[in-house]
Amino acid sequence: MDELELAIAAAHEAGAIIRALYGTGIAVTDKGDRGDSPLTAADTRANEALHRRIAAAFPADGWLSEESIDTAERLRKRRVWIVDPLDGTKEFVREIPELAVCVGLVEDGVPIVGVTYNPIREETFAAARGRGATLNGRPVRVRATRELAAAVVLASRSETERGEWRRFEGRFVIERCGSVAYKLARVGAGTAEATFTLSPKSEWDVCSSACVIECAGGRVTDIAGHPLRYNQPTPSVAGIVASNGVLHDELLALLRE
């Protein structure tokens, strides 16, 4: 089994755990150290399944997960798995089917495999460098839209609720959607032209779906337009912009206004 096949199988195993707990009213706790950051048994059990399966297949690789204790050991590895067992825990708790299991593999800081799996909608977004991107096994590409006014841009539910997207109204079509990773994966699959956030995000929110977007012909950068590098000592980015590539520079300019 190669890395992409393993990533898909591991994501599906973790997704089955999440799907079985979805809508059951399981207990929610708060991580405490990161503000409004809910944690459920779905997060922890999915993380255990992912780590067990991936570590058994590639024991020499590094590991970075939202739900695992981070260590400096990964910084000495060329290959590191970057994982979020459940991106969209708030949506999971509210029974909004916009969430994802994220499994990415980076080599020298560059994503080479990415799988983002929505177990509620049964959508598997998958990609590997040189092999393109797929949705449920079918090849996908980013949309070719060239006019920003005609573009669908996916927005964070919480950011729109806070009024952070009001200044963009009328500039493009705004569609609210949960889970950073799920929004990014949808851009890669061609169901929207772009998404962005000015809020800090962690590498595990972005890595798997960024691989999907890039393998599907799109582009992902930070808000200054710089390419993202993964497996950093502090695994976070100040903000991200993801697009079909054609609209990217125009979006970056808009965000600077």
Protein backbone atom coordinates (compact mmCIF):
# COMPACT_ATOMS: atom_id res chain seq x y z
CA MET A 1 0.00 0.00 0.00
CA ASP A 2 1.52 3.35 -1.02
CA GLU A 3 1.22 6.59 0.93
CA LEU A 4 -1.89 7.85 -0.84
CA GLU A 5 -3.73 4.56 -0.47
CA LEU A 6 -2.77 4.43 3.20
CA ALA A 7 -3.90 8.00 3.78
CA ILE A 8 -7.29 7.25 2.22
CA ALA A 9 -7.72 4.05 4.24
CA ALA A 10 -6.68 5.77 7.48
CA ALA A 11 -9.00 8.72 6.85
CA HIS A 12 -11.90 6.36 6.17
CA GLU A 13 -11.23 4.44 9.39
CA ALA A 14 -11.17 7.66 11.40
CA GLY A 15 -14.23 8.89 9.53
CA ALA A 16 -16.20 5.78 10.47
CA ILE A 17 -15.54 6.58 14.14
CA ILE A 18 -16.75 10.14 13.66
CA ARG A 19 -19.82 9.09 11.69
CA ALA A 20 -20.83 6.61 14.40
CA LEU A 21 -20.72 9.38 17.02
CA TYR A 22 -22.32 12.10 14.89
CA GLY A 23 -25.68 13.19 16.26
CA THR A 24 -25.40 11.11 19.45
CA GLY A 25 -25.03 14.06 21.80
CA ILE A 26 -21.63 13.03 23.14
CA ALA A 27 -19.96 15.14 25.82
CA VAL A 28 -18.03 18.25 24.80
CA THR A 29 -15.12 19.65 26.78
CA ASP A 30 -12.90 22.67 26.16
CA LYS A 31 -9.17 22.37 25.59
CA GLY A 32 -8.74 25.37 27.86
CA ASP A 33 -5.39 26.49 26.52
CA ARG A 34 -6.72 27.75 23.18
CA GLY A 35 -9.92 29.60 24.06
CA ASP A 36 -13.12 28.46 22.40
CA SER A 37 -11.80 25.12 21.20
CA PRO A 38 -14.15 22.19 21.81
CA LEU A 39 -12.99 18.61 22.17
CA THR A 40 -15.01 15.41 21.92
CA ALA A 41 -14.39 11.67 21.98
CA ALA A 42 -14.70 11.77 18.19
CA ASP A 43 -11.53 13.90 18.01
CA THR A 44 -9.48 11.72 20.32
CA ARG A 45 -10.64 8.32 19.05
CA ALA A 46 -10.14 9.34 15.42
CA ASN A 47 -6.65 10.58 16.27
CA GLU A 48 -5.76 7.27 17.91
CA ALA A 49 -6.92 5.35 14.84
CA LEU A 50 -4.95 7.55 12.46
CA HIS A 51 -1.75 7.40 14.48
CA ARG A 52 -1.92 3.65 14.98
CA ARG A 53 -2.41 2.93 11.29
CA ILE A 54 0.08 5.44 9.88
CA ALA A 55 2.83 4.76 12.43
CA ALA A 56 2.56 1.03 11.78
CA ALA A 57 3.06 1.54 8.03
CA PHE A 58 5.72 4.29 8.15
CA PRO A 59 7.37 4.18 11.59
CA ALA A 60 10.34 6.32 10.51
CA ASP A 61 8.20 9.31 9.52
CA GLY A 62 7.46 12.26 11.77
CA TRP A 63 4.05 13.07 13.23
CA LEU A 64 2.17 16.33 13.86
CA SER A 65 -1.48 16.27 14.93
CA GLU A 66 -3.84 18.69 16.59
CA GLU A 67 -4.72 16.03 19.16
CA SER A 68 -1.22 14.69 19.90
CA ILE A 69 1.46 16.20 22.13
CA ASP A 70 3.95 17.90 19.84
CA THR A 71 7.67 17.22 20.15
CA ALA A 72 10.77 18.56 18.42
CA GLU A 73 11.51 15.11 17.01
CA ARG A 74 9.47 15.85 13.87
CA LEU A 75 11.77 18.76 13.00
CA ARG A 76 14.58 16.27 12.36
CA LYS A 77 12.48 14.33 9.84
CA ARG A 78 12.32 14.92 6.07
CA ARG A 79 8.89 13.27 5.91
CA VAL A 80 6.17 14.24 8.37
CA TRP A 81 2.48 13.32 8.54
CA ILE A 82 0.36 16.35 9.41
CA VAL A 83 -3.07 15.39 10.69
CA ASP A 84 -6.28 16.86 12.01
CA PRO A 85 -8.55 13.98 13.06
CA LEU A 86 -11.62 16.22 13.05
CA ASP A 87 -11.49 19.67 11.52
CA GLY A 88 -14.83 21.28 12.27
CA THR A 89 -15.55 20.06 15.79
CA LYS A 90 -17.97 22.96 16.27
CA GLU A 91 -19.90 21.81 13.20
CA PHE A 92 -19.79 18.22 14.48
CA VAL A 93 -21.34 19.32 17.78
CA ARG A 94 -24.00 21.40 16.01
CA GLU A 95 -24.68 18.56 13.54
CA ILE A 96 -23.70 20.65 10.53
CA PRO A 97 -22.24 18.21 7.96
CA GLU A 98 -19.29 20.43 7.05
CA LEU A 99 -16.31 18.77 8.69
CA ALA A 100 -13.32 16.69 7.68
CA VAL A 101 -10.63 14.20 8.58
CA CYS A 102 -7.32 15.62 7.33
CA VAL A 103 -4.29 13.49 6.48
CA GLY A 104 -1.31 15.14 4.83
CA LEU A 105 2.26 14.02 4.19
CA VAL A 106 5.01 16.59 3.63
CA GLU A 107 8.56 16.05 2.44
CA ASP A 108 11.08 18.82 3.12
CA GLY A 109 8.18 21.11 4.00
CA VAL A 110 6.18 20.50 0.80
CA PRO A 111 2.90 18.52 0.74
CA ILE A 112 3.21 15.40 -1.41
CA VAL A 113 0.03 13.57 -0.33
CA GLY A 114 -3.24 14.99 0.90
CA VAL A 115 -6.55 13.39 1.84
CA THR A 116 -9.50 15.35 3.21
CA TYR A 117 -12.51 13.18 4.00
CA ASN A 118 -15.99 14.32 4.96
CA PRO A 119 -17.49 11.19 6.57
CA ILE A 120 -20.99 12.62 6.83
CA ARG A 121 -21.30 13.50 3.16
CA GLU A 122 -19.03 10.61 2.09
CA GLU A 123 -16.68 12.87 0.12
CA THR A 124 -13.05 11.82 -0.26
CA PHE A 125 -10.82 14.55 -1.67
CA ALA A 126 -7.41 13.02 -2.44
CA ALA A 127 -4.20 14.05 -4.18
CA ALA A 128 -0.55 13.16 -4.66
CA ARG A 129 2.19 15.15 -6.39
CA GLY A 130 2.38 14.16 -10.03
CA ARG A 131 -0.87 12.17 -9.87
CA GLY A 132 -3.50 14.91 -9.84
CA ALA A 133 -6.51 15.27 -7.54
CA THR A 134 -9.72 13.29 -7.21
CA LEU A 135 -13.10 13.43 -5.51
CA ASN A 136 -14.41 9.95 -4.73
CA GLY A 137 -11.97 8.55 -7.26
CA ARG A 138 -12.93 10.88 -10.12
CA PRO A 139 -10.37 13.42 -11.39
CA VAL A 140 -11.09 17.03 -10.46
CA ARG A 141 -9.70 20.43 -11.43
CA VAL A 142 -10.19 23.93 -10.09
CA ARG A 143 -12.73 26.14 -11.83
CA ALA A 144 -11.54 28.31 -14.71
CA THR A 145 -13.53 31.42 -13.70
CA ARG A 146 -11.63 34.62 -14.55
CA GLU A 147 -14.03 37.27 -13.21
CA LEU A 148 -13.97 37.84 -9.46
CA ALA A 149 -17.53 39.17 -9.46
CA ALA A 150 -18.74 35.79 -10.74
CA ALA A 151 -16.70 33.77 -8.26
CA VAL A 152 -18.04 31.79 -5.31
CA VAL A 153 -15.84 32.43 -2.29
CA LEU A 154 -16.33 30.21 0.76
CA ALA A 155 -16.47 32.06 4.05
CA SER A 156 -16.08 30.95 7.66
CA ARG A 157 -19.40 30.79 9.52
CA SER A 158 -17.89 32.33 12.64
CA GLU A 159 -16.13 35.09 10.68
CA THR A 160 -19.34 36.09 8.90
CA GLU A 161 -21.24 36.02 12.20
CA ARG A 162 -18.68 38.46 13.58
CA GLY A 163 -19.20 40.76 10.59
CA GLU A 164 -15.69 40.30 9.21
CA TRP A 165 -16.93 39.72 5.65
CA ARG A 166 -19.24 42.74 5.33
CA ARG A 167 -16.63 44.72 3.41
CA PHE A 168 -16.54 42.00 0.73
CA GLU A 169 -20.28 41.98 0.04
CA GLY A 170 -20.95 42.73 -3.62
CA ARG A 171 -17.39 41.95 -4.69
CA PHE A 172 -18.11 38.24 -5.24
CA VAL A 173 -20.61 35.57 -4.22
CA ILE A 174 -20.15 34.69 -0.54
CA GLU A 175 -21.12 31.20 0.60
CA ARG A 176 -20.82 30.24 4.25
CA CYS A 177 -19.23 26.88 4.98
CA GLY A 178 -17.73 25.19 8.04
CA SER A 179 -14.29 23.61 8.48
CA VAL A 180 -11.23 25.28 7.01
CA ALA A 181 -10.06 22.03 5.45
CA TYR A 182 -13.45 21.30 3.90
CA LYS A 183 -13.63 24.76 2.34
CA LEU A 184 -10.15 24.35 0.88
CA ALA A 185 -10.96 20.88 -0.46
CA ARG A 186 -14.06 22.23 -2.20
CA VAL A 187 -11.93 24.81 -4.00
CA GLY A 188 -9.68 22.00 -5.22
CA ALA A 189 -12.69 20.00 -6.41
CA GLY A 190 -14.06 22.95 -8.37
CA THR A 191 -17.25 23.63 -6.38
CA ALA A 192 -16.03 27.14 -5.50
CA GLU A 193 -13.37 29.47 -6.83
CA ALA A 194 -11.69 30.54 -3.61
CA THR A 195 -11.60 30.83 0.15
CA PHE A 196 -9.52 32.88 2.53
CA THR A 197 -9.14 33.78 6.18
CA LEU A 198 -7.24 36.56 7.87
CA SER A 199 -7.28 34.62 11.15
CA PRO A 200 -4.31 32.46 12.24
CA LYS A 201 -4.61 28.79 11.29
CA SER A 202 -2.58 25.70 12.13
CA GLU A 203 -0.71 23.59 9.60
CA TRP A 204 -3.07 20.66 10.22
CA ASP A 205 -6.04 22.83 9.16
CA VAL A 206 -4.47 23.49 5.78
CA CYS A 207 -1.94 20.87 4.70
CA SER A 208 -4.05 18.04 3.25
CA SER A 209 -6.43 20.27 1.31
CA ALA A 210 -3.64 22.56 0.10
CA CYS A 211 -2.16 19.49 -1.58
CA VAL A 212 -5.54 18.82 -3.23
CA ILE A 213 -5.79 22.40 -4.50
CA GLU A 214 -2.26 22.52 -5.86
CA CYS A 215 -2.57 19.13 -7.55
CA ALA A 216 -5.85 20.33 -9.09
CA GLY A 217 -4.19 23.38 -10.64
CA GLY A 218 -4.90 25.99 -7.97
CA ARG A 219 -2.80 28.06 -5.61
CA VAL A 220 -2.46 28.42 -1.83
CA THR A 221 -0.42 31.14 -0.08
CA ASP A 222 -0.31 33.14 3.09
CA ILE A 223 -2.01 36.54 3.05
CA ALA A 224 1.21 38.18 1.82
CA GLY A 225 1.25 35.86 -1.20
CA HIS A 226 4.11 33.66 -0.04
CA PRO A 227 3.99 29.86 -0.53
CA LEU A 228 3.38 27.87 2.64
CA ARG A 229 6.10 25.68 4.15
CA TYR A 230 5.08 22.97 6.58
CA ASN A 231 6.64 21.25 9.59
CA GLN A 232 7.75 24.56 11.09
CA PRO A 233 8.81 24.86 14.76
CA THR A 234 5.63 26.83 15.37
CA PRO A 235 3.15 25.09 13.04
CA SER A 236 0.87 27.99 12.22
CA VAL A 237 0.22 30.62 9.55
CA ALA A 238 -1.13 34.14 10.08
CA GLY A 239 -3.79 33.66 7.39
CA ILE A 240 -4.36 31.89 4.08
CA VAL A 241 -5.65 32.58 0.59
CA ALA A 242 -6.63 29.67 -1.67
CA SER A 243 -7.97 29.98 -5.18
CA ASN A 244 -8.22 28.59 -8.67
CA GLY A 245 -4.96 30.44 -9.34
CA VAL A 246 -6.41 32.79 -11.94
CA LEU A 247 -8.04 35.01 -9.30
CA HIS A 248 -5.29 34.77 -6.72
CA ASP A 249 -3.45 38.03 -7.28
CA GLU A 250 -6.71 39.96 -7.48
CA LEU A 251 -7.82 38.48 -4.15
CA LEU A 252 -4.51 39.35 -2.53
CA ALA A 253 -4.85 42.94 -3.76
CA LEU A 254 -8.41 43.11 -2.43
CA LEU A 255 -7.28 41.97 1.01
CA ARG A 256 -4.66 44.72 1.07
CA GLU A 257 -7.25 47.46 0.49
